[in-house]
């Protein structure tokens, strides 16, 4: 795989991981039955399906926001301090489409196709 393909793969893998297992637990109405999760499960048992959907959406948005903010930091560091990202000994290009990592993540998460070079 060349460096541009590695770049695309990295962003697409992050998009694929944007959904949270915890959000699914909320939708299912129960976290794993442990002492630590007892109070969470008590709260979940009192929520309506609509409330569970809203909470799951917030959890997924928070995870996606964390990925976005991390990629934004990486873009800043690439531009300010010459940060290099390598995968399989292949250095990833910096802004190969003229946009930051976080922008490419948001675009792909929204369903946009990769632009042509």
PDB file of N, CA and C in Angstrom:
ATOM      1  N   UNK A   1       0.854  -1.174   0.000  1.00  0.00           N
ATOM      2  CA  UNK A   1       0.000   0.000   0.000  1.00  0.00           C
ATOM      3  C   UNK A   1       0.901   1.238   0.000  1.00  0.00           C
ATOM      4  N   UNK A   2       0.594   2.207  -0.866  1.00  0.00           N
ATOM      5  CA  UNK A   2       1.406   3.425  -0.866  1.00  0.00           C
ATOM      6  C   UNK A   2       0.939   4.369   0.246  1.00  0.00           C
ATOM      7  N   UNK A   3       1.672   5.460   0.426  1.00  0.00           N
ATOM      8  CA  UNK A   3       1.393   6.352   1.554  1.00  0.00           C
ATOM      9  C   UNK A   3       0.011   7.008   1.459  1.00  0.00           C
ATOM     10  N   UNK A   4      -0.445   7.327   0.261  1.00  0.00           N
ATOM     11  CA  UNK A   4      -1.776   7.918   0.123  1.00  0.00           C
ATOM     12  C   UNK A   4      -2.854   6.896   0.476  1.00  0.00           C
ATOM     13  N   UNK A   5      -2.674   5.661   0.069  1.00  0.00           N
ATOM     14  CA  UNK A   5      -3.626   4.605   0.430  1.00  0.00           C
ATOM     15  C   UNK A   5      -3.634   4.371   1.934  1.00  0.00           C
ATOM     16  N   UNK A   6      -2.459   4.438   2.572  1.00  0.00           N
ATOM     17  CA  UNK A   6      -2.368   4.304   4.031  1.00  0.00           C
ATOM     18  C   UNK A   6      -3.121   5.442   4.712  1.00  0.00           C
ATOM     19  N   UNK A   7      -2.975   6.652   4.180  1.00  0.00           N
ATOM     20  CA  UNK A   7      -3.670   7.819   4.730  1.00  0.00           C
ATOM     21  C   UNK A   7      -5.183   7.598   4.662  1.00  0.00           C
ATOM     22  N   UNK A   8      -5.666   7.233   3.484  1.00  0.00           N
ATOM     23  CA  UNK A   8      -7.097   6.989   3.306  1.00  0.00           C
ATOM     24  C   UNK A   8      -7.575   5.880   4.246  1.00  0.00           C
ATOM     25  N   UNK A   9      -6.777   4.831   4.348  1.00  0.00           N
ATOM     26  CA  UNK A   9      -7.137   3.701   5.207  1.00  0.00           C
ATOM     27  C   UNK A   9      -7.244   4.137   6.672  1.00  0.00           C
ATOM     28  N   UNK A  10      -6.297   4.952   7.122  1.00  0.00           N
ATOM     29  CA  UNK A  10      -6.331   5.443   8.509  1.00  0.00           C
ATOM     30  C   UNK A  10      -7.623   6.207   8.774  1.00  0.00           C
ATOM     31  N   UNK A  11      -7.943   7.153   7.914  1.00  0.00           N
ATOM     32  CA  UNK A  11      -9.151   7.956   8.106  1.00  0.00           C
ATOM     33  C   UNK A  11     -10.393   7.067   8.063  1.00  0.00           C
ATOM     34  N   UNK A  12     -10.450   6.156   7.102  1.00  0.00           N
ATOM     35  CA  UNK A  12     -11.621   5.282   6.986  1.00  0.00           C
ATOM     36  C   UNK A  12     -11.762   4.345   8.187  1.00  0.00           C
ATOM     37  N   UNK A  13     -10.641   3.880   8.728  1.00  0.00           N
ATOM     38  CA  UNK A  13     -10.715   3.037   9.924  1.00  0.00           C
ATOM     39  C   UNK A  13     -11.241   3.830  11.110  1.00  0.00           C
ATOM     40  N   UNK A  14     -10.849   5.085  11.217  1.00  0.00           N
ATOM     41  CA  UNK A  14     -11.372   5.925  12.305  1.00  0.00           C
ATOM     42  C   UNK A  14     -12.865   6.179  12.130  1.00  0.00           C
ATOM     43  N   UNK A  15     -13.304   6.370  10.907  1.00  0.00           N
ATOM     44  CA  UNK A  15     -14.738   6.521  10.650  1.00  0.00           C
ATOM     45  C   UNK A  15     -15.468   5.253  11.079  1.00  0.00           C
ATOM     46  N   UNK A  16     -14.905   4.096  10.723  1.00  0.00           N
ATOM     47  CA  UNK A  16     -15.530   2.822  11.086  1.00  0.00           C
ATOM     48  C   UNK A  16     -15.621   2.629  12.598  1.00  0.00           C
ATOM     49  N   UNK A  17     -14.721   3.259  13.341  1.00  0.00           N
ATOM     50  CA  UNK A  17     -14.689   3.108  14.803  1.00  0.00           C
ATOM     51  C   UNK A  17     -15.390   4.248  15.530  1.00  0.00           C
ATOM     52  N   UNK A  18     -16.138   5.056  14.819  1.00  0.00           N
ATOM     53  CA  UNK A  18     -16.787   6.223  15.414  1.00  0.00           C
ATOM     54  C   UNK A  18     -17.970   5.868  16.303  1.00  0.00           C
ATOM     55  N   UNK A  19     -18.546   4.701  16.103  1.00  0.00           N
ATOM     56  CA  UNK A  19     -19.670   4.272  16.930  1.00  0.00           C
ATOM     57  C   UNK A  19     -19.139   3.666  18.226  1.00  0.00           C
ATOM     58  N   UNK A  20     -19.794   3.968  19.331  1.00  0.00           N
ATOM     59  CA  UNK A  20     -19.358   3.511  20.645  1.00  0.00           C
ATOM     60  C   UNK A  20     -20.123   2.268  21.097  1.00  0.00           C
ATOM     61  N   UNK A  21     -19.409   1.309  21.635  1.00  0.00           N
ATOM     62  CA  UNK A  21     -20.067   0.133  22.230  1.00  0.00           C
ATOM     63  C   UNK A  21     -20.979   0.569  23.368  1.00  0.00           C
ATOM     64  N   UNK A  22     -20.576   1.589  24.096  1.00  0.00           N
ATOM     65  CA  UNK A  22     -21.406   2.067  25.207  1.00  0.00           C
ATOM     66  C   UNK A  22     -22.736   2.623  24.712  1.00  0.00           C
ATOM     67  N   UNK A  23     -22.729   3.240  23.539  1.00  0.00           N
ATOM     68  CA  UNK A  23     -23.989   3.730  22.973  1.00  0.00           C
ATOM     69  C   UNK A  23     -24.922   2.563  22.691  1.00  0.00           C
ATOM     70  N   UNK A  24     -24.367   1.472  22.190  1.00  0.00           N
ATOM     71  CA  UNK A  24     -25.193   0.298  21.934  1.00  0.00           C
ATOM     72  C   UNK A  24     -25.729  -0.284  23.237  1.00  0.00           C
ATOM     73  N   UNK A  25     -24.922  -0.270  24.289  1.00  0.00           N
ATOM     74  CA  UNK A  25     -25.391  -0.747  25.595  1.00  0.00           C
ATOM     75  C   UNK A  25     -26.563   0.093  26.077  1.00  0.00           C
ATOM     76  N   UNK A  26     -26.487   1.415  25.842  1.00  0.00           N
ATOM     77  CA  UNK A  26     -27.598   2.289  26.225  1.00  0.00           C
ATOM     78  C   UNK A  26     -28.847   1.884  25.451  1.00  0.00           C
ATOM     79  N   UNK A  27     -28.711   1.684  24.155  1.00  0.00           N
ATOM     80  CA  UNK A  27     -29.867   1.286  23.343  1.00  0.00           C
ATOM     81  C   UNK A  27     -30.432  -0.055  23.791  1.00  0.00           C
ATOM     82  N   UNK A  28     -29.542  -0.948  24.198  1.00  0.00           N
ATOM     83  CA  UNK A  28     -29.980  -2.260  24.689  1.00  0.00           C
ATOM     84  C   UNK A  28     -30.572  -2.178  26.089  1.00  0.00           C
ATOM     85  N   UNK A  29     -30.345  -1.048  26.764  1.00  0.00           N
ATOM     86  CA  UNK A  29     -30.925  -0.837  28.085  1.00  0.00           C
ATOM     87  C   UNK A  29     -30.111  -1.379  29.233  1.00  0.00           C
ATOM     88  N   UNK A  30     -28.876  -1.824  28.955  1.00  0.00           N
ATOM     89  CA  UNK A  30     -28.070  -2.367  30.049  1.00  0.00           C
ATOM     90  C   UNK A  30     -26.593  -2.423  29.687  1.00  0.00           C
ATOM     91  N   UNK A  31     -25.790  -1.925  30.614  1.00  0.00           N
ATOM     92  CA  UNK A  31     -24.345  -2.120  30.552  1.00  0.00           C
ATOM     93  C   UNK A  31     -24.067  -3.512  31.123  1.00  0.00           C
ATOM     94  N   UNK A  32     -22.860  -4.041  30.928  1.00  0.00           N
ATOM     95  CA  UNK A  32     -22.557  -5.344  31.540  1.00  0.00           C
ATOM     96  C   UNK A  32     -22.869  -5.329  33.040  1.00  0.00           C
ATOM     97  N   UNK A  33     -23.426  -6.418  33.525  1.00  0.00           N
ATOM     98  CA  UNK A  33     -23.873  -6.506  34.924  1.00  0.00           C
ATOM     99  C   UNK A  33     -22.671  -6.642  35.847  1.00  0.00           C
ATOM    100  N   UNK A  34     -22.163  -5.497  36.295  1.00  0.00           N
ATOM    101  CA  UNK A  34     -21.080  -5.463  37.282  1.00  0.00           C
ATOM    102  C   UNK A  34     -21.479  -4.489  38.382  1.00  0.00           C
ATOM    103  N   UNK A  35     -20.786  -4.561  39.497  1.00  0.00           N
ATOM    104  CA  UNK A  35     -21.081  -3.629  40.590  1.00  0.00           C
ATOM    105  C   UNK A  35     -20.880  -2.179  40.136  1.00  0.00           C
ATOM    106  N   UNK A  36     -19.842  -1.932  39.333  1.00  0.00           N
ATOM    107  CA  UNK A  36     -19.570  -0.573  38.866  1.00  0.00           C
ATOM    108  C   UNK A  36     -20.681  -0.022  37.978  1.00  0.00           C
ATOM    109  N   UNK A  37     -21.388  -0.897  37.272  1.00  0.00           N
ATOM    110  CA  UNK A  37     -22.433  -0.462  36.340  1.00  0.00           C
ATOM    111  C   UNK A  37     -23.836  -0.478  36.933  1.00  0.00           C
ATOM    112  N   UNK A  38     -23.949  -0.854  38.196  1.00  0.00           N
ATOM    113  CA  UNK A  38     -25.264  -0.982  38.816  1.00  0.00           C
ATOM    114  C   UNK A  38     -26.065   0.316  38.744  1.00  0.00           C
ATOM    115  N   UNK A  39     -25.450   1.444  39.074  1.00  0.00           N
ATOM    116  CA  UNK A  39     -26.195   2.711  39.071  1.00  0.00           C
ATOM    117  C   UNK A  39     -26.539   3.141  37.644  1.00  0.00           C
ATOM    118  N   UNK A  40     -25.652   2.876  36.699  1.00  0.00           N
ATOM    119  CA  UNK A  40     -25.945   3.201  35.297  1.00  0.00           C
ATOM    120  C   UNK A  40     -27.140   2.392  34.816  1.00  0.00           C
ATOM    121  N   UNK A  41     -27.153   1.096  35.127  1.00  0.00           N
ATOM    122  CA  UNK A  41     -28.252   0.239  34.704  1.00  0.00           C
ATOM    123  C   UNK A  41     -29.572   0.640  35.358  1.00  0.00           C
ATOM    124  N   UNK A  42     -29.480   1.140  36.571  1.00  0.00           N
ATOM    125  CA  UNK A  42     -30.688   1.628  37.245  1.00  0.00           C
ATOM    126  C   UNK A  42     -31.260   2.823  36.491  1.00  0.00           C
ATOM    127  N   UNK A  43     -30.391   3.744  36.093  1.00  0.00           N
ATOM    128  CA  UNK A  43     -30.843   4.906  35.318  1.00  0.00           C
ATOM    129  C   UNK A  43     -31.426   4.460  33.983  1.00  0.00           C
ATOM    130  N   UNK A  44     -30.719   3.564  33.294  1.00  0.00           N
ATOM    131  CA  UNK A  44     -31.187   3.099  31.981  1.00  0.00           C
ATOM    132  C   UNK A  44     -32.550   2.430  32.054  1.00  0.00           C
ATOM    133  N   UNK A  45     -32.811   1.736  33.137  1.00  0.00           N
ATOM    134  CA  UNK A  45     -34.092   1.026  33.258  1.00  0.00           C
ATOM    135  C   UNK A  45     -35.277   1.986  33.306  1.00  0.00           C
ATOM    136  N   UNK A  46     -35.027   3.231  33.661  1.00  0.00           N
ATOM    137  CA  UNK A  46     -36.101   4.215  33.743  1.00  0.00           C
ATOM    138  C   UNK A  46     -36.252   5.087  32.500  1.00  0.00           C
ATOM    139  N   UNK A  47     -35.427   4.856  31.487  1.00  0.00           N
ATOM    140  CA  UNK A  47     -35.491   5.683  30.284  1.00  0.00           C
ATOM    141  C   UNK A  47     -36.424   5.087  29.241  1.00  0.00           C
ATOM    142  N   UNK A  48     -37.070   5.968  28.511  1.00  0.00           N
ATOM    143  CA  UNK A  48     -37.901   5.537  27.382  1.00  0.00           C
ATOM    144  C   UNK A  48     -36.980   5.212  26.202  1.00  0.00           C
ATOM    145  N   UNK A  49     -37.492   4.480  25.221  1.00  0.00           N
ATOM    146  CA  UNK A  49     -36.673   4.229  24.028  1.00  0.00           C
ATOM    147  C   UNK A  49     -36.175   5.520  23.366  1.00  0.00           C
ATOM    148  N   UNK A  50     -37.015   6.551  23.316  1.00  0.00           N
ATOM    149  CA  UNK A  50     -36.612   7.834  22.733  1.00  0.00           C
ATOM    150  C   UNK A  50     -35.462   8.460  23.530  1.00  0.00           C
ATOM    151  N   UNK A  51     -35.531   8.381  24.847  1.00  0.00           N
ATOM    152  CA  UNK A  51     -34.464   8.925  25.689  1.00  0.00           C
ATOM    153  C   UNK A  51     -33.171   8.129  25.509  1.00  0.00           C
ATOM    154  N   UNK A  52     -33.289   6.810  25.385  1.00  0.00           N
ATOM    155  CA  UNK A  52     -32.111   5.968  25.158  1.00  0.00           C
ATOM    156  C   UNK A  52     -31.461   6.307  23.819  1.00  0.00           C
ATOM    157  N   UNK A  53     -32.269   6.548  22.818  1.00  0.00           N
ATOM    158  CA  UNK A  53     -31.736   6.919  21.501  1.00  0.00           C
ATOM    159  C   UNK A  53     -31.003   8.252  21.575  1.00  0.00           C
ATOM    160  N   UNK A  54     -31.583   9.206  22.297  1.00  0.00           N
ATOM    161  CA  UNK A  54     -30.939  10.518  22.451  1.00  0.00           C
ATOM    162  C   UNK A  54     -29.613  10.383  23.199  1.00  0.00           C
ATOM    163  N   UNK A  55     -29.596   9.588  24.263  1.00  0.00           N
ATOM    164  CA  UNK A  55     -28.369   9.396  25.031  1.00  0.00           C
ATOM    165  C   UNK A  55     -27.307   8.679  24.187  1.00  0.00           C
ATOM    166  N   UNK A  56     -27.705   7.673  23.434  1.00  0.00           N
ATOM    167  CA  UNK A  56     -26.765   6.949  22.579  1.00  0.00           C
ATOM    168  C   UNK A  56     -26.169   7.890  21.537  1.00  0.00           C
ATOM    169  N   UNK A  57     -26.979   8.759  21.004  1.00  0.00           N
ATOM    170  CA  UNK A  57     -26.501   9.737  20.028  1.00  0.00           C
ATOM    171  C   UNK A  57     -25.456  10.669  20.649  1.00  0.00           C
ATOM    172  N   UNK A  58     -25.714  11.114  21.869  1.00  0.00           N
ATOM    173  CA  UNK A  58     -24.747  11.975  22.571  1.00  0.00           C
ATOM    174  C   UNK A  58     -23.424  11.247  22.800  1.00  0.00           C
ATOM    175  N   UNK A  59     -23.498   9.977  23.167  1.00  0.00           N
ATOM    176  CA  UNK A  59     -22.282   9.197  23.410  1.00  0.00           C
ATOM    177  C   UNK A  59     -21.494   9.042  22.111  1.00  0.00           C
ATOM    178  N   UNK A  60     -22.188   8.713  21.021  1.00  0.00           N
ATOM    179  CA  UNK A  60     -21.504   8.575  19.733  1.00  0.00           C
ATOM    180  C   UNK A  60     -20.916   9.900  19.272  1.00  0.00           C
ATOM    181  N   UNK A  61     -21.646  10.992  19.479  1.00  0.00           N
ATOM    182  CA  UNK A  61     -21.129  12.314  19.118  1.00  0.00           C
ATOM    183  C   UNK A  61     -19.877  12.655  19.925  1.00  0.00           C
ATOM    184  N   UNK A  62     -19.871  12.292  21.201  1.00  0.00           N
ATOM    185  CA  UNK A  62     -18.701  12.563  22.049  1.00  0.00           C
ATOM    186  C   UNK A  62     -17.489  11.782  21.561  1.00  0.00           C
ATOM    187  N   UNK A  63     -17.690  10.527  21.198  1.00  0.00           N
ATOM    188  CA  UNK A  63     -16.572   9.723  20.689  1.00  0.00           C
ATOM    189  C   UNK A  63     -16.052  10.309  19.385  1.00  0.00           C
ATOM    190  N   UNK A  64     -16.956  10.638  18.480  1.00  0.00           N
ATOM    191  CA  UNK A  64     -16.570  11.218  17.199  1.00  0.00           C
ATOM    192  C   UNK A  64     -15.851  12.549  17.396  1.00  0.00           C
ATOM    193  N   UNK A  65     -16.318  13.337  18.345  1.00  0.00           N
ATOM    194  CA  UNK A  65     -15.676  14.622  18.644  1.00  0.00           C
ATOM    195  C   UNK A  65     -14.250  14.412  19.154  1.00  0.00           C
ATOM    196  N   UNK A  66     -14.059  13.376  19.959  1.00  0.00           N
ATOM    197  CA  UNK A  66     -12.710  13.069  20.454  1.00  0.00           C
ATOM    198  C   UNK A  66     -11.768  12.677  19.326  1.00  0.00           C
ATOM    199  N   UNK A  67     -12.269  11.878  18.386  1.00  0.00           N
ATOM    200  CA  UNK A  67     -11.455  11.508  17.227  1.00  0.00           C
ATOM    201  C   UNK A  67     -11.131  12.762  16.415  1.00  0.00           C
ATOM    202  N   UNK A  68     -12.143  13.582  16.161  1.00  0.00           N
ATOM    203  CA  UNK A  68     -11.959  14.827  15.413  1.00  0.00           C
ATOM    204  C   UNK A  68     -10.900  15.718  16.061  1.00  0.00           C
ATOM    205  N   UNK A  69     -11.031  15.931  17.376  1.00  0.00           N
ATOM    206  CA  UNK A  69     -10.114  16.826  18.075  1.00  0.00           C
ATOM    207  C   UNK A  69      -8.688  16.281  18.082  1.00  0.00           C
ATOM    208  N   UNK A  70      -8.525  14.978  18.172  1.00  0.00           N
ATOM    209  CA  UNK A  70      -7.197  14.372  18.117  1.00  0.00           C
ATOM    210  C   UNK A  70      -6.580  14.588  16.739  1.00  0.00           C
ATOM    211  N   UNK A  71      -7.369  14.378  15.697  1.00  0.00           N
ATOM    212  CA  UNK A  71      -6.866  14.599  14.342  1.00  0.00           C
ATOM    213  C   UNK A  71      -6.537  16.071  14.102  1.00  0.00           C
ATOM    214  N   UNK A  72      -7.341  16.975  14.673  1.00  0.00           N
ATOM    215  CA  UNK A  72      -7.047  18.410  14.556  1.00  0.00           C
ATOM    216  C   UNK A  72      -5.708  18.728  15.213  1.00  0.00           C
ATOM    217  N   UNK A  73      -5.449  18.136  16.375  1.00  0.00           N
ATOM    218  CA  UNK A  73      -4.171  18.337  17.041  1.00  0.00           C
ATOM    219  C   UNK A  73      -3.031  17.799  16.191  1.00  0.00           C
ATOM    220  N   UNK A  74      -3.205  16.605  15.634  1.00  0.00           N
ATOM    221  CA  UNK A  74      -2.164  16.043  14.768  1.00  0.00           C
ATOM    222  C   UNK A  74      -1.876  16.960  13.583  1.00  0.00           C
ATOM    223  N   UNK A  75      -2.921  17.539  12.984  1.00  0.00           N
ATOM    224  CA  UNK A  75      -2.717  18.462  11.868  1.00  0.00           C
ATOM    225  C   UNK A  75      -1.935  19.693  12.307  1.00  0.00           C
ATOM    226  N   UNK A  76      -2.299  20.227  13.460  1.00  0.00           N
ATOM    227  CA  UNK A  76      -1.572  21.388  13.982  1.00  0.00           C
ATOM    228  C   UNK A  76      -0.111  21.045  14.229  1.00  0.00           C
ATOM    229  N   UNK A  77       0.134  19.889  14.842  1.00  0.00           N
ATOM    230  CA  UNK A  77       1.502  19.493  15.141  1.00  0.00           C
ATOM    231  C   UNK A  77       2.305  19.207  13.872  1.00  0.00           C
ATOM    232  N   UNK A  78       1.651  18.675  12.854  1.00  0.00           N
ATOM    233  CA  UNK A  78       2.341  18.448  11.581  1.00  0.00           C
ATOM    234  C   UNK A  78       2.818  19.774  11.007  1.00  0.00           C
ATOM    235  N   UNK A  79       1.977  20.793  11.121  1.00  0.00           N
ATOM    236  CA  UNK A  79       2.313  22.100  10.552  1.00  0.00           C
ATOM    237  C   UNK A  79       3.256  22.910  11.433  1.00  0.00           C
ATOM    238  N   UNK A  80       3.164  22.747  12.752  1.00  0.00           N
ATOM    239  CA  UNK A  80       3.966  23.558  13.667  1.00  0.00           C
ATOM    240  C   UNK A  80       5.298  22.922  14.047  1.00  0.00           C
ATOM    241  N   UNK A  81       5.300  21.618  14.240  1.00  0.00           N
ATOM    242  CA  UNK A  81       6.511  21.003  14.782  1.00  0.00           C
ATOM    243  C   UNK A  81       7.011  19.831  13.944  1.00  0.00           C
ATOM    244  N   UNK A  82       6.521  19.754  12.721  1.00  0.00           N
ATOM    245  CA  UNK A  82       7.020  18.732  11.806  1.00  0.00           C
ATOM    246  C   UNK A  82       6.735  17.310  12.281  1.00  0.00           C
ATOM    247  N   UNK A  83       5.568  17.108  12.917  1.00  0.00           N
ATOM    248  CA  UNK A  83       5.145  15.774  13.309  1.00  0.00           C
ATOM    249  C   UNK A  83       5.004  14.918  12.067  1.00  0.00           C
ATOM    250  N   UNK A  84       5.495  13.699  12.129  1.00  0.00           N
ATOM    251  CA  UNK A  84       5.368  12.746  11.030  1.00  0.00           C
ATOM    252  C   UNK A  84       4.557  11.557  11.526  1.00  0.00           C
ATOM    253  N   UNK A  85       3.640  11.089  10.698  1.00  0.00           N
ATOM    254  CA  UNK A  85       2.848   9.901  11.022  1.00  0.00           C
ATOM    255  C   UNK A  85       3.216   8.836  10.003  1.00  0.00           C
ATOM    256  N   UNK A  86       3.607   7.673  10.498  1.00  0.00           N
ATOM    257  CA  UNK A  86       4.001   6.578   9.619  1.00  0.00           C
ATOM    258  C   UNK A  86       3.189   5.339   9.955  1.00  0.00           C
ATOM    259  N   UNK A  87       2.826   4.600   8.907  1.00  0.00           N
ATOM    260  CA  UNK A  87       2.162   3.319   9.050  1.00  0.00           C
ATOM    261  C   UNK A  87       2.883   2.347   8.138  1.00  0.00           C
ATOM    262  N   UNK A  88       3.249   1.200   8.691  1.00  0.00           N
ATOM    263  CA  UNK A  88       3.975   0.193   7.916  1.00  0.00           C
ATOM    264  C   UNK A  88       5.199   0.791   7.226  1.00  0.00           C
ATOM    265  N   UNK A  89       5.907   1.638   7.961  1.00  0.00           N
ATOM    266  CA  UNK A  89       7.121   2.302   7.490  1.00  0.00           C
ATOM    267  C   UNK A  89       6.873   3.246   6.318  1.00  0.00           C
ATOM    268  N   UNK A  90       5.619   3.608   6.111  1.00  0.00           N
ATOM    269  CA  UNK A  90       5.259   4.538   5.050  1.00  0.00           C
ATOM    270  C   UNK A  90       4.790   5.834   5.696  1.00  0.00           C
ATOM    271  N   UNK A  91       5.536   6.925   5.466  1.00  0.00           N
ATOM    272  CA  UNK A  91       5.161   8.215   6.043  1.00  0.00           C
ATOM    273  C   UNK A  91       3.918   8.742   5.327  1.00  0.00           C
ATOM    274  N   UNK A  92       2.905   9.079   6.126  1.00  0.00           N
ATOM    275  CA  UNK A  92       1.667   9.572   5.549  1.00  0.00           C
ATOM    276  C   UNK A  92       1.858  10.984   5.006  1.00  0.00           C
ATOM    277  N   UNK A  93       1.200  11.285   3.904  1.00  0.00           N
ATOM    278  CA  UNK A  93       1.287  12.643   3.373  1.00  0.00           C
ATOM    279  C   UNK A  93       0.573  13.627   4.292  1.00  0.00           C
ATOM    280  N   UNK A  94       1.010  14.871   4.237  1.00  0.00           N
ATOM    281  CA  UNK A  94       0.378  15.936   5.011  1.00  0.00           C
ATOM    282  C   UNK A  94      -0.592  16.665   4.093  1.00  0.00           C
ATOM    283  N   UNK A  95      -1.858  16.654   4.470  1.00  0.00           N
ATOM    284  CA  UNK A  95      -2.913  17.341   3.730  1.00  0.00           C
ATOM    285  C   UNK A  95      -2.862  17.028   2.232  1.00  0.00           C
ATOM    286  N   UNK A  96      -2.948  15.736   1.878  1.00  0.00           N
ATOM    287  CA  UNK A  96      -2.837  15.377   0.459  1.00  0.00           C
ATOM    288  C   UNK A  96      -3.962  15.933  -0.416  1.00  0.00           C
ATOM    289  N   UNK A  97      -5.085  16.299   0.194  1.00  0.00           N
ATOM    290  CA  UNK A  97      -6.205  16.840  -0.567  1.00  0.00           C
ATOM    291  C   UNK A  97      -6.397  18.329  -0.287  1.00  0.00           C
ATOM    292  N   UNK A  98      -5.416  18.946   0.395  1.00  0.00           N
ATOM    293  CA  UNK A  98      -5.496  20.362   0.727  1.00  0.00           C
ATOM    294  C   UNK A  98      -6.351  20.654   1.943  1.00  0.00           C
ATOM    295  N   UNK A  99      -6.693  19.591   2.687  1.00  0.00           N
ATOM    296  CA  UNK A  99      -7.521  19.748   3.885  1.00  0.00           C
ATOM    297  C   UNK A  99      -6.875  18.990   5.044  1.00  0.00           C
ATOM    298  N   UNK A 100      -7.211  19.402   6.250  1.00  0.00           N
ATOM    299  CA  UNK A 100      -6.632  18.799   7.441  1.00  0.00           C
ATOM    300  C   UNK A 100      -7.201  17.398   7.675  1.00  0.00           C
ATOM    301  N   UNK A 101      -6.480  16.617   8.494  1.00  0.00           N
ATOM    302  CA  UNK A 101      -6.923  15.271   8.871  1.00  0.00           C
ATOM    303  C   UNK A 101      -8.356  15.276   9.395  1.00  0.00           C
ATOM    304  N   UNK A 102      -8.652  16.208  10.298  1.00  0.00           N
ATOM    305  CA  UNK A 102      -9.981  16.251  10.905  1.00  0.00           C
ATOM    306  C   UNK A 102     -11.065  16.582   9.885  1.00  0.00           C
ATOM    307  N   UNK A 103     -10.746  17.418   8.909  1.00  0.00           N
ATOM    308  CA  UNK A 103     -11.717  17.727   7.854  1.00  0.00           C
ATOM    309  C   UNK A 103     -11.984  16.480   7.015  1.00  0.00           C
ATOM    310  N   UNK A 104     -10.918  15.759   6.664  1.00  0.00           N
ATOM    311  CA  UNK A 104     -11.082  14.538   5.872  1.00  0.00           C
ATOM    312  C   UNK A 104     -11.913  13.507   6.638  1.00  0.00           C
ATOM    313  N   UNK A 105     -11.695  13.419   7.947  1.00  0.00           N
ATOM    314  CA  UNK A 105     -12.479  12.510   8.790  1.00  0.00           C
ATOM    315  C   UNK A 105     -13.967  12.877   8.747  1.00  0.00           C
ATOM    316  N   UNK A 106     -14.279  14.149   8.942  1.00  0.00           N
ATOM    317  CA  UNK A 106     -15.674  14.594   8.951  1.00  0.00           C
ATOM    318  C   UNK A 106     -16.322  14.359   7.588  1.00  0.00           C
ATOM    319  N   UNK A 107     -15.588  14.647   6.531  1.00  0.00           N
ATOM    320  CA  UNK A 107     -16.139  14.456   5.185  1.00  0.00           C
ATOM    321  C   UNK A 107     -16.444  12.984   4.929  1.00  0.00           C
ATOM    322  N   UNK A 108     -15.526  12.096   5.286  1.00  0.00           N
ATOM    323  CA  UNK A 108     -15.746  10.662   5.068  1.00  0.00           C
ATOM    324  C   UNK A 108     -16.864  10.145   5.975  1.00  0.00           C
ATOM    325  N   UNK A 109     -16.914  10.650   7.208  1.00  0.00           N
ATOM    326  CA  UNK A 109     -17.969  10.240   8.133  1.00  0.00           C
ATOM    327  C   UNK A 109     -19.333  10.667   7.600  1.00  0.00           C
ATOM    328  N   UNK A 110     -19.373  11.765   6.872  1.00  0.00           N
ATOM    329  CA  UNK A 110     -20.620  12.262   6.275  1.00  0.00           C
ATOM    330  C   UNK A 110     -20.985  11.515   4.991  1.00  0.00           C
ATOM    331  N   UNK A 111     -20.090  10.630   4.544  1.00  0.00           N
ATOM    332  CA  UNK A 111     -20.386   9.835   3.359  1.00  0.00           C
ATOM    333  C   UNK A 111     -19.782  10.354   2.073  1.00  0.00           C
ATOM    334  N   UNK A 112     -18.972  11.403   2.165  1.00  0.00           N
ATOM    335  CA  UNK A 112     -18.331  11.930   0.959  1.00  0.00           C
ATOM    336  C   UNK A 112     -17.312  10.931   0.420  1.00  0.00           C
ATOM    337  N   UNK A 113     -17.163  10.918  -0.897  1.00  0.00           N
ATOM    338  CA  UNK A 113     -16.127  10.106  -1.539  1.00  0.00           C
ATOM    339  C   UNK A 113     -14.785  10.822  -1.389  1.00  0.00           C
ATOM    340  N   UNK A 114     -13.706  10.052  -1.521  1.00  0.00           N
ATOM    341  CA  UNK A 114     -12.385  10.667  -1.518  1.00  0.00           C
ATOM    342  C   UNK A 114     -12.252  11.511  -2.779  1.00  0.00           C
ATOM    343  N   UNK A 115     -11.698  12.725  -2.649  1.00  0.00           N
ATOM    344  CA  UNK A 115     -11.500  13.548  -3.845  1.00  0.00           C
ATOM    345  C   UNK A 115     -10.379  12.972  -4.718  1.00  0.00           C
ATOM    346  N   UNK A 116     -10.416  13.341  -5.960  1.00  0.00           N
ATOM    347  CA  UNK A 116      -9.335  12.956  -6.878  1.00  0.00           C
ATOM    348  C   UNK A 116      -8.159  13.901  -6.672  1.00  0.00           C
ATOM    349  N   UNK A 117      -6.992  13.399  -6.912  1.00  0.00           N
ATOM    350  CA  UNK A 117      -5.800  14.254  -6.812  1.00  0.00           C
ATOM    351  C   UNK A 117      -5.523  14.924  -8.134  1.00  0.00           C
TER     352      UNK A 117
END
